[in-house]
């Protein structure tokens, strides 16, 4: 059994789309990033790569033209292929998204459905926290995500 931990954070800016696990959140702002800024997918990618001893997201998906505005759910699919290529299977994933400027609970089902399909496990959990007015998430300036996974 192998445990992985991932983390990502991005500033929030007007005029960008807010994407979480391939789901577009209805919002006038989004996360600023080289790809689509999907902090949830990015944190899970790093958790999976860490558990499989495959480096980090920047190793496989650097900030080059190839990955400019990339769909992060597709990058997560490629990461799952890399993990499976090492003979490993994803047992579960648990993630926490921290953002105060938007409520996300109405998107949970679709987000989890997308992740279950890509990760090939039904053991996926996603939680949402506001930051309680603390830090750049709580102040409404950013979004972050923490993720853990178990591989066998």
N, C-alpha and C. Protein backbone atom coordinates (compact mmCIF):
# COMPACT_ATOMS: atom_id res chain seq x y z
N UNK A 1 0.85 -1.17 0.00
CA UNK A 1 0.00 0.00 0.00
C UNK A 1 0.90 1.24 0.00
N UNK A 2 0.50 2.25 -0.77
CA UNK A 2 1.29 3.47 -0.91
C UNK A 2 0.38 4.68 -0.73
N UNK A 3 0.78 5.60 0.12
CA UNK A 3 0.00 6.81 0.40
C UNK A 3 0.63 8.00 -0.30
N UNK A 4 -0.20 8.87 -0.87
CA UNK A 4 0.29 10.08 -1.51
C UNK A 4 -0.46 11.30 -1.00
N UNK A 5 0.23 12.43 -1.01
CA UNK A 5 -0.35 13.70 -0.59
C UNK A 5 -0.11 14.73 -1.68
N UNK A 6 -1.13 15.51 -2.00
CA UNK A 6 -0.98 16.57 -3.00
C UNK A 6 -1.60 17.86 -2.52
N UNK A 7 -1.10 18.96 -3.06
CA UNK A 7 -1.57 20.29 -2.68
C UNK A 7 -1.43 21.21 -3.88
N UNK A 8 -2.41 22.11 -4.04
CA UNK A 8 -2.29 23.13 -5.08
C UNK A 8 -3.06 24.37 -4.65
N UNK A 9 -2.66 25.51 -5.17
CA UNK A 9 -3.38 26.76 -4.90
C UNK A 9 -3.18 27.72 -6.05
N UNK A 10 -4.21 28.54 -6.29
CA UNK A 10 -4.17 29.52 -7.37
C UNK A 10 -4.88 30.80 -6.92
N UNK A 11 -4.44 31.95 -7.43
CA UNK A 11 -5.20 33.18 -7.18
C UNK A 11 -6.50 33.15 -7.99
N UNK A 12 -7.50 33.85 -7.49
CA UNK A 12 -8.76 34.00 -8.21
C UNK A 12 -8.77 35.34 -8.92
N UNK A 13 -9.20 35.34 -10.18
CA UNK A 13 -9.25 36.55 -10.98
C UNK A 13 -10.56 36.61 -11.75
N UNK A 14 -11.01 37.84 -12.01
CA UNK A 14 -12.21 38.05 -12.82
C UNK A 14 -11.94 37.61 -14.25
N UNK A 15 -12.97 37.10 -14.90
CA UNK A 15 -12.88 36.78 -16.32
C UNK A 15 -12.30 35.42 -16.66
N UNK A 16 -11.92 34.63 -15.65
CA UNK A 16 -11.44 33.26 -15.90
C UNK A 16 -12.54 32.29 -15.50
N UNK A 17 -12.51 31.10 -16.07
CA UNK A 17 -13.46 30.06 -15.69
C UNK A 17 -12.96 29.37 -14.42
N UNK A 18 -13.89 28.96 -13.56
CA UNK A 18 -13.57 28.20 -12.37
C UNK A 18 -13.93 26.75 -12.64
N UNK A 19 -12.90 25.91 -12.75
CA UNK A 19 -13.06 24.50 -13.11
C UNK A 19 -12.58 23.63 -11.94
N UNK A 20 -13.38 22.63 -11.58
CA UNK A 20 -13.00 21.65 -10.56
C UNK A 20 -13.34 20.26 -11.08
N UNK A 21 -12.33 19.43 -11.28
CA UNK A 21 -12.50 18.07 -11.81
C UNK A 21 -13.30 18.08 -13.10
N UNK A 22 -13.03 19.07 -13.95
CA UNK A 22 -13.69 19.17 -15.24
C UNK A 22 -15.06 19.81 -15.21
N UNK A 23 -15.55 20.17 -14.04
CA UNK A 23 -16.86 20.80 -13.90
C UNK A 23 -16.69 22.31 -13.85
N UNK A 24 -17.41 23.02 -14.71
CA UNK A 24 -17.35 24.48 -14.69
C UNK A 24 -18.35 25.01 -13.66
N UNK A 25 -17.83 25.78 -12.71
CA UNK A 25 -18.65 26.39 -11.66
C UNK A 25 -19.17 27.72 -12.16
N UNK A 26 -20.44 27.99 -11.94
CA UNK A 26 -21.03 29.26 -12.36
C UNK A 26 -20.46 30.38 -11.50
N UNK A 27 -19.58 31.18 -12.08
CA UNK A 27 -18.88 32.22 -11.33
C UNK A 27 -18.32 33.26 -12.30
N UNK A 28 -18.21 34.50 -11.84
CA UNK A 28 -17.62 35.56 -12.68
C UNK A 28 -16.09 35.56 -12.58
N UNK A 29 -15.53 34.73 -11.72
CA UNK A 29 -14.08 34.65 -11.53
C UNK A 29 -13.65 33.19 -11.61
N UNK A 30 -12.36 33.02 -11.80
CA UNK A 30 -11.81 31.67 -11.85
C UNK A 30 -10.38 31.68 -11.38
N UNK A 31 -9.78 30.50 -11.39
CA UNK A 31 -8.41 30.39 -10.89
C UNK A 31 -7.41 30.63 -12.02
N UNK A 32 -6.43 31.44 -11.72
CA UNK A 32 -5.39 31.79 -12.67
C UNK A 32 -4.33 30.71 -12.65
N UNK A 33 -4.12 30.10 -13.81
CA UNK A 33 -3.11 29.05 -13.90
C UNK A 33 -2.67 28.88 -15.34
N UNK A 34 -1.59 28.13 -15.54
CA UNK A 34 -1.06 27.89 -16.88
C UNK A 34 -2.04 27.05 -17.69
N UNK A 35 -2.62 26.04 -17.03
CA UNK A 35 -3.63 25.21 -17.68
C UNK A 35 -4.99 25.82 -17.38
N UNK A 36 -6.00 25.00 -17.13
CA UNK A 36 -7.31 25.55 -16.79
C UNK A 36 -7.41 25.93 -15.31
N UNK A 37 -6.34 25.73 -14.53
CA UNK A 37 -6.31 26.16 -13.13
C UNK A 37 -7.13 25.29 -12.19
N UNK A 38 -7.39 24.06 -12.57
CA UNK A 38 -8.22 23.13 -11.78
C UNK A 38 -7.43 22.62 -10.57
N UNK A 39 -7.55 23.31 -9.43
CA UNK A 39 -6.76 22.96 -8.24
C UNK A 39 -7.08 21.56 -7.73
N UNK A 40 -8.30 21.11 -7.89
CA UNK A 40 -8.68 19.78 -7.41
C UNK A 40 -7.96 18.70 -8.20
N UNK A 41 -8.01 18.78 -9.52
CA UNK A 41 -7.30 17.80 -10.34
C UNK A 41 -5.80 17.87 -10.11
N UNK A 42 -5.26 19.08 -9.97
CA UNK A 42 -3.82 19.24 -9.76
C UNK A 42 -3.37 18.61 -8.44
N UNK A 43 -4.12 18.81 -7.38
CA UNK A 43 -3.75 18.23 -6.08
C UNK A 43 -3.82 16.71 -6.13
N UNK A 44 -4.83 16.18 -6.80
CA UNK A 44 -4.95 14.72 -6.93
C UNK A 44 -3.81 14.17 -7.78
N UNK A 45 -3.46 14.86 -8.85
CA UNK A 45 -2.32 14.44 -9.68
C UNK A 45 -1.07 14.33 -8.82
N UNK A 46 -0.78 15.34 -8.02
CA UNK A 46 0.42 15.30 -7.18
C UNK A 46 0.34 14.19 -6.14
N UNK A 47 -0.84 13.94 -5.58
CA UNK A 47 -0.98 12.85 -4.62
C UNK A 47 -0.68 11.51 -5.28
N UNK A 48 -1.23 11.28 -6.47
CA UNK A 48 -1.00 10.02 -7.18
C UNK A 48 0.47 9.85 -7.56
N UNK A 49 1.06 10.92 -8.10
CA UNK A 49 2.47 10.85 -8.49
C UNK A 49 3.36 10.61 -7.28
N UNK A 50 3.03 11.24 -6.16
CA UNK A 50 3.81 11.04 -4.94
C UNK A 50 3.73 9.60 -4.45
N UNK A 51 2.54 9.05 -4.42
CA UNK A 51 2.37 7.67 -3.94
C UNK A 51 3.10 6.68 -4.84
N UNK A 52 3.16 6.98 -6.14
CA UNK A 52 3.82 6.09 -7.09
C UNK A 52 5.30 6.41 -7.27
N UNK A 53 5.81 7.38 -6.52
CA UNK A 53 7.22 7.82 -6.63
C UNK A 53 7.57 8.25 -8.06
N UNK A 54 6.68 9.05 -8.63
CA UNK A 54 6.86 9.52 -10.00
C UNK A 54 7.10 11.02 -10.10
N UNK A 55 7.55 11.64 -9.02
CA UNK A 55 7.84 13.07 -9.08
C UNK A 55 6.61 13.90 -8.78
N UNK A 56 6.47 15.01 -9.53
CA UNK A 56 5.34 15.90 -9.29
C UNK A 56 4.74 16.36 -10.61
N UNK A 57 3.68 17.15 -10.51
CA UNK A 57 2.95 17.58 -11.70
C UNK A 57 3.84 18.36 -12.68
N UNK A 58 4.78 19.15 -12.17
CA UNK A 58 5.67 19.92 -13.03
C UNK A 58 6.64 19.04 -13.81
N UNK A 59 6.95 17.86 -13.28
CA UNK A 59 7.83 16.91 -13.96
C UNK A 59 7.18 16.42 -15.25
N UNK A 60 5.90 16.10 -15.18
CA UNK A 60 5.19 15.49 -16.30
C UNK A 60 4.43 16.49 -17.17
N UNK A 61 3.99 17.59 -16.57
CA UNK A 61 3.17 18.56 -17.28
C UNK A 61 3.72 19.97 -17.02
N UNK A 62 4.90 20.28 -17.56
CA UNK A 62 5.54 21.58 -17.29
C UNK A 62 4.78 22.75 -17.92
N UNK A 63 5.10 23.94 -17.48
CA UNK A 63 4.45 25.15 -18.00
C UNK A 63 5.05 25.51 -19.36
N UNK A 64 4.72 24.68 -20.34
CA UNK A 64 5.17 24.89 -21.72
C UNK A 64 3.94 25.12 -22.59
N UNK A 65 4.18 25.48 -23.84
CA UNK A 65 3.08 25.70 -24.78
C UNK A 65 2.18 24.47 -24.91
N UNK A 66 2.77 23.29 -24.80
CA UNK A 66 2.00 22.04 -24.94
C UNK A 66 0.86 21.97 -23.92
N UNK A 67 1.08 22.50 -22.73
CA UNK A 67 0.08 22.39 -21.66
C UNK A 67 -0.64 23.71 -21.36
N UNK A 68 -0.40 24.73 -22.16
CA UNK A 68 -1.09 26.01 -21.99
C UNK A 68 -2.59 25.80 -22.18
N UNK A 69 -3.37 26.20 -21.20
CA UNK A 69 -4.83 26.06 -21.21
C UNK A 69 -5.30 24.61 -21.31
N UNK A 70 -4.45 23.66 -20.91
CA UNK A 70 -4.82 22.24 -20.96
C UNK A 70 -5.99 21.95 -20.02
N UNK A 71 -6.76 20.97 -20.39
CA UNK A 71 -7.87 20.49 -19.55
C UNK A 71 -7.25 19.56 -18.49
N UNK A 72 -7.30 19.97 -17.25
CA UNK A 72 -6.63 19.23 -16.18
C UNK A 72 -7.21 17.85 -15.94
N UNK A 73 -8.48 17.65 -16.24
CA UNK A 73 -9.06 16.31 -16.10
C UNK A 73 -8.37 15.35 -17.07
N UNK A 74 -7.97 15.85 -18.25
CA UNK A 74 -7.21 15.03 -19.20
C UNK A 74 -5.82 14.72 -18.65
N UNK A 75 -5.22 15.69 -17.98
CA UNK A 75 -3.91 15.45 -17.36
C UNK A 75 -4.04 14.41 -16.24
N UNK A 76 -5.14 14.44 -15.52
CA UNK A 76 -5.38 13.44 -14.49
C UNK A 76 -5.52 12.06 -15.11
N UNK A 77 -6.20 11.95 -16.25
CA UNK A 77 -6.31 10.67 -16.95
C UNK A 77 -4.93 10.14 -17.32
N UNK A 78 -4.07 11.00 -17.83
CA UNK A 78 -2.71 10.59 -18.20
C UNK A 78 -1.93 10.15 -16.97
N UNK A 79 -2.17 10.80 -15.84
CA UNK A 79 -1.50 10.43 -14.59
C UNK A 79 -1.96 9.05 -14.14
N UNK A 80 -3.24 8.78 -14.23
CA UNK A 80 -3.76 7.45 -13.87
C UNK A 80 -3.09 6.39 -14.73
N UNK A 81 -2.90 6.66 -16.02
CA UNK A 81 -2.21 5.71 -16.91
C UNK A 81 -0.78 5.47 -16.44
N UNK A 82 -0.09 6.52 -15.99
CA UNK A 82 1.28 6.37 -15.49
C UNK A 82 1.31 5.51 -14.23
N UNK A 83 0.36 5.74 -13.34
CA UNK A 83 0.26 4.97 -12.09
C UNK A 83 -0.02 3.50 -12.41
N UNK A 84 -0.97 3.27 -13.30
CA UNK A 84 -1.31 1.89 -13.69
C UNK A 84 -0.14 1.22 -14.41
N UNK A 85 0.63 2.01 -15.13
CA UNK A 85 1.81 1.49 -15.82
C UNK A 85 2.87 0.95 -14.87
N UNK A 86 2.81 1.39 -13.63
CA UNK A 86 3.72 0.86 -12.60
C UNK A 86 3.11 -0.33 -11.87
N UNK A 87 1.96 -0.81 -12.35
CA UNK A 87 1.30 -1.95 -11.75
C UNK A 87 0.51 -1.61 -10.49
N UNK A 88 0.17 -0.34 -10.33
CA UNK A 88 -0.56 0.11 -9.14
C UNK A 88 -2.01 0.40 -9.47
N UNK A 89 -2.86 0.25 -8.47
CA UNK A 89 -4.29 0.52 -8.59
C UNK A 89 -4.69 1.54 -7.54
N UNK A 90 -5.55 2.47 -7.92
CA UNK A 90 -6.03 3.48 -6.98
C UNK A 90 -7.11 2.87 -6.10
N UNK A 91 -6.90 2.92 -4.79
CA UNK A 91 -7.88 2.42 -3.84
C UNK A 91 -8.88 3.52 -3.51
N UNK A 92 -8.37 4.69 -3.08
CA UNK A 92 -9.27 5.79 -2.77
C UNK A 92 -8.55 7.13 -2.87
N UNK A 93 -9.37 8.18 -2.95
CA UNK A 93 -8.89 9.56 -2.96
C UNK A 93 -9.82 10.37 -2.07
N UNK A 94 -9.22 11.24 -1.25
CA UNK A 94 -9.97 12.16 -0.41
C UNK A 94 -9.37 13.55 -0.61
N UNK A 95 -10.21 14.54 -0.86
CA UNK A 95 -9.71 15.89 -1.15
C UNK A 95 -10.55 16.94 -0.44
N UNK A 96 -9.90 18.07 -0.14
CA UNK A 96 -10.57 19.22 0.46
C UNK A 96 -10.23 20.47 -0.34
N UNK A 97 -11.26 21.13 -0.87
CA UNK A 97 -11.11 22.38 -1.60
C UNK A 97 -11.44 23.52 -0.64
N UNK A 98 -10.57 24.54 -0.60
CA UNK A 98 -10.77 25.68 0.29
C UNK A 98 -10.97 26.93 -0.56
N UNK A 99 -12.18 27.54 -0.45
CA UNK A 99 -12.50 28.77 -1.18
C UNK A 99 -13.70 29.42 -0.49
N UNK A 100 -13.68 30.74 -0.39
CA UNK A 100 -14.78 31.41 0.30
C UNK A 100 -15.72 32.16 -0.63
N UNK A 101 -15.29 32.46 -1.84
CA UNK A 101 -16.08 33.34 -2.71
C UNK A 101 -17.25 32.65 -3.39
N UNK A 102 -17.33 31.34 -3.33
CA UNK A 102 -18.40 30.62 -4.01
C UNK A 102 -18.73 29.36 -3.21
N UNK A 103 -19.99 28.99 -3.19
CA UNK A 103 -20.43 27.76 -2.55
C UNK A 103 -20.42 26.65 -3.59
N UNK A 104 -19.85 25.51 -3.23
CA UNK A 104 -19.62 24.45 -4.21
C UNK A 104 -20.47 23.20 -4.00
N UNK A 105 -21.21 23.12 -2.92
CA UNK A 105 -21.90 21.87 -2.58
C UNK A 105 -22.84 21.38 -3.70
N UNK A 106 -23.44 22.27 -4.45
CA UNK A 106 -24.35 21.84 -5.52
C UNK A 106 -23.62 21.18 -6.69
N UNK A 107 -22.29 21.30 -6.72
CA UNK A 107 -21.48 20.70 -7.79
C UNK A 107 -20.86 19.37 -7.37
N UNK A 108 -21.00 19.01 -6.10
CA UNK A 108 -20.31 17.83 -5.55
C UNK A 108 -20.58 16.54 -6.33
N UNK A 109 -21.84 16.24 -6.61
CA UNK A 109 -22.16 14.98 -7.29
C UNK A 109 -21.46 14.85 -8.63
N UNK A 110 -21.52 15.89 -9.45
CA UNK A 110 -20.89 15.83 -10.78
C UNK A 110 -19.36 15.76 -10.66
N UNK A 111 -18.80 16.50 -9.71
CA UNK A 111 -17.35 16.46 -9.49
C UNK A 111 -16.93 15.05 -9.11
N UNK A 112 -17.63 14.44 -8.18
CA UNK A 112 -17.27 13.09 -7.73
C UNK A 112 -17.49 12.08 -8.86
N UNK A 113 -18.57 12.24 -9.61
CA UNK A 113 -18.81 11.35 -10.76
C UNK A 113 -17.65 11.40 -11.74
N UNK A 114 -17.20 12.62 -12.10
CA UNK A 114 -16.06 12.76 -13.01
C UNK A 114 -14.82 12.08 -12.46
N UNK A 115 -14.55 12.31 -11.17
CA UNK A 115 -13.36 11.73 -10.57
C UNK A 115 -13.44 10.22 -10.49
N UNK A 116 -14.59 9.67 -10.14
CA UNK A 116 -14.74 8.21 -10.09
C UNK A 116 -14.47 7.59 -11.46
N UNK A 117 -14.97 8.24 -12.51
CA UNK A 117 -14.75 7.72 -13.87
C UNK A 117 -13.27 7.72 -14.23
N UNK A 118 -12.59 8.81 -13.95
CA UNK A 118 -11.17 8.93 -14.32
C UNK A 118 -10.28 8.07 -13.44
N UNK A 119 -10.57 8.05 -12.13
CA UNK A 119 -9.71 7.34 -11.18
C UNK A 119 -10.00 5.84 -11.11
N UNK A 120 -11.12 5.43 -11.69
CA UNK A 120 -11.51 4.01 -11.74
C UNK A 120 -11.70 3.41 -10.35
N UNK A 121 -12.27 4.20 -9.45
CA UNK A 121 -12.62 3.73 -8.12
C UNK A 121 -13.88 4.46 -7.67
N UNK A 122 -14.69 3.78 -6.89
CA UNK A 122 -15.89 4.42 -6.36
C UNK A 122 -15.59 5.12 -5.03
N UNK A 123 -14.38 4.93 -4.52
CA UNK A 123 -14.00 5.52 -3.23
C UNK A 123 -13.34 6.88 -3.43
N UNK A 124 -14.17 7.86 -3.71
CA UNK A 124 -13.72 9.24 -3.92
C UNK A 124 -14.57 10.14 -3.03
N UNK A 125 -13.90 11.01 -2.28
CA UNK A 125 -14.60 11.95 -1.41
C UNK A 125 -14.02 13.34 -1.65
N UNK A 126 -14.91 14.34 -1.75
CA UNK A 126 -14.48 15.72 -1.93
C UNK A 126 -15.24 16.57 -0.92
N UNK A 127 -14.50 17.37 -0.18
CA UNK A 127 -15.07 18.27 0.83
C UNK A 127 -14.79 19.71 0.42
N UNK A 128 -15.64 20.62 0.90
CA UNK A 128 -15.48 22.04 0.60
C UNK A 128 -15.44 22.81 1.91
N UNK A 129 -14.47 23.71 2.03
CA UNK A 129 -14.31 24.55 3.22
C UNK A 129 -14.21 26.01 2.79
N UNK A 130 -14.60 26.91 3.68
CA UNK A 130 -14.61 28.34 3.36
C UNK A 130 -13.32 29.07 3.73
N UNK A 131 -12.54 28.51 4.62
CA UNK A 131 -11.35 29.22 5.10
C UNK A 131 -11.65 30.12 6.28
N UNK A 132 -12.92 30.24 6.65
CA UNK A 132 -13.31 31.02 7.84
C UNK A 132 -12.67 32.39 7.91
N UNK A 133 -12.64 33.09 6.81
CA UNK A 133 -12.09 34.45 6.65
C UNK A 133 -10.57 34.53 6.82
N UNK A 134 -9.90 33.38 6.93
CA UNK A 134 -8.45 33.37 7.14
C UNK A 134 -7.71 33.00 5.86
N UNK A 135 -6.50 33.55 5.72
CA UNK A 135 -5.66 33.23 4.57
C UNK A 135 -6.23 33.78 3.28
N UNK A 136 -5.51 33.53 2.19
CA UNK A 136 -5.95 34.12 0.93
C UNK A 136 -7.24 33.47 0.43
N UNK A 137 -7.54 32.23 0.84
CA UNK A 137 -8.80 31.60 0.47
C UNK A 137 -9.95 32.27 1.23
N UNK A 138 -9.79 32.40 2.54
CA UNK A 138 -10.83 33.01 3.37
C UNK A 138 -11.08 34.46 3.04
N UNK A 139 -10.05 35.14 2.56
CA UNK A 139 -10.18 36.55 2.17
C UNK A 139 -10.75 36.70 0.76
N UNK A 140 -10.97 35.59 0.06
CA UNK A 140 -11.55 35.64 -1.28
C UNK A 140 -10.56 35.89 -2.39
N UNK A 141 -9.27 35.82 -2.10
CA UNK A 141 -8.26 36.09 -3.12
C UNK A 141 -7.77 34.84 -3.84
N UNK A 142 -8.12 33.66 -3.32
CA UNK A 142 -7.58 32.44 -3.92
C UNK A 142 -8.38 31.21 -3.59
N UNK A 143 -7.91 30.10 -4.16
CA UNK A 143 -8.51 28.78 -3.95
C UNK A 143 -7.37 27.78 -3.79
N UNK A 144 -7.57 26.80 -2.91
CA UNK A 144 -6.55 25.78 -2.72
C UNK A 144 -7.21 24.42 -2.55
N UNK A 145 -6.41 23.39 -2.65
CA UNK A 145 -6.91 22.03 -2.49
C UNK A 145 -5.83 21.14 -1.89
N UNK A 146 -6.25 20.28 -0.99
CA UNK A 146 -5.40 19.25 -0.39
C UNK A 146 -5.99 17.90 -0.80
N UNK A 147 -5.13 16.94 -1.14
CA UNK A 147 -5.63 15.61 -1.53
C UNK A 147 -4.71 14.52 -1.00
N UNK A 148 -5.31 13.41 -0.63
CA UNK A 148 -4.56 12.21 -0.26
C UNK A 148 -5.12 11.05 -1.06
N UNK A 149 -4.25 10.05 -1.28
CA UNK A 149 -4.69 8.87 -2.00
C UNK A 149 -4.01 7.64 -1.43
N UNK A 150 -4.62 6.50 -1.71
CA UNK A 150 -4.03 5.22 -1.33
C UNK A 150 -3.97 4.37 -2.60
N UNK A 151 -2.79 3.82 -2.87
CA UNK A 151 -2.59 2.93 -4.02
C UNK A 151 -2.22 1.54 -3.50
N UNK A 152 -2.57 0.53 -4.28
CA UNK A 152 -2.10 -0.83 -3.95
C UNK A 152 -1.52 -1.47 -5.20
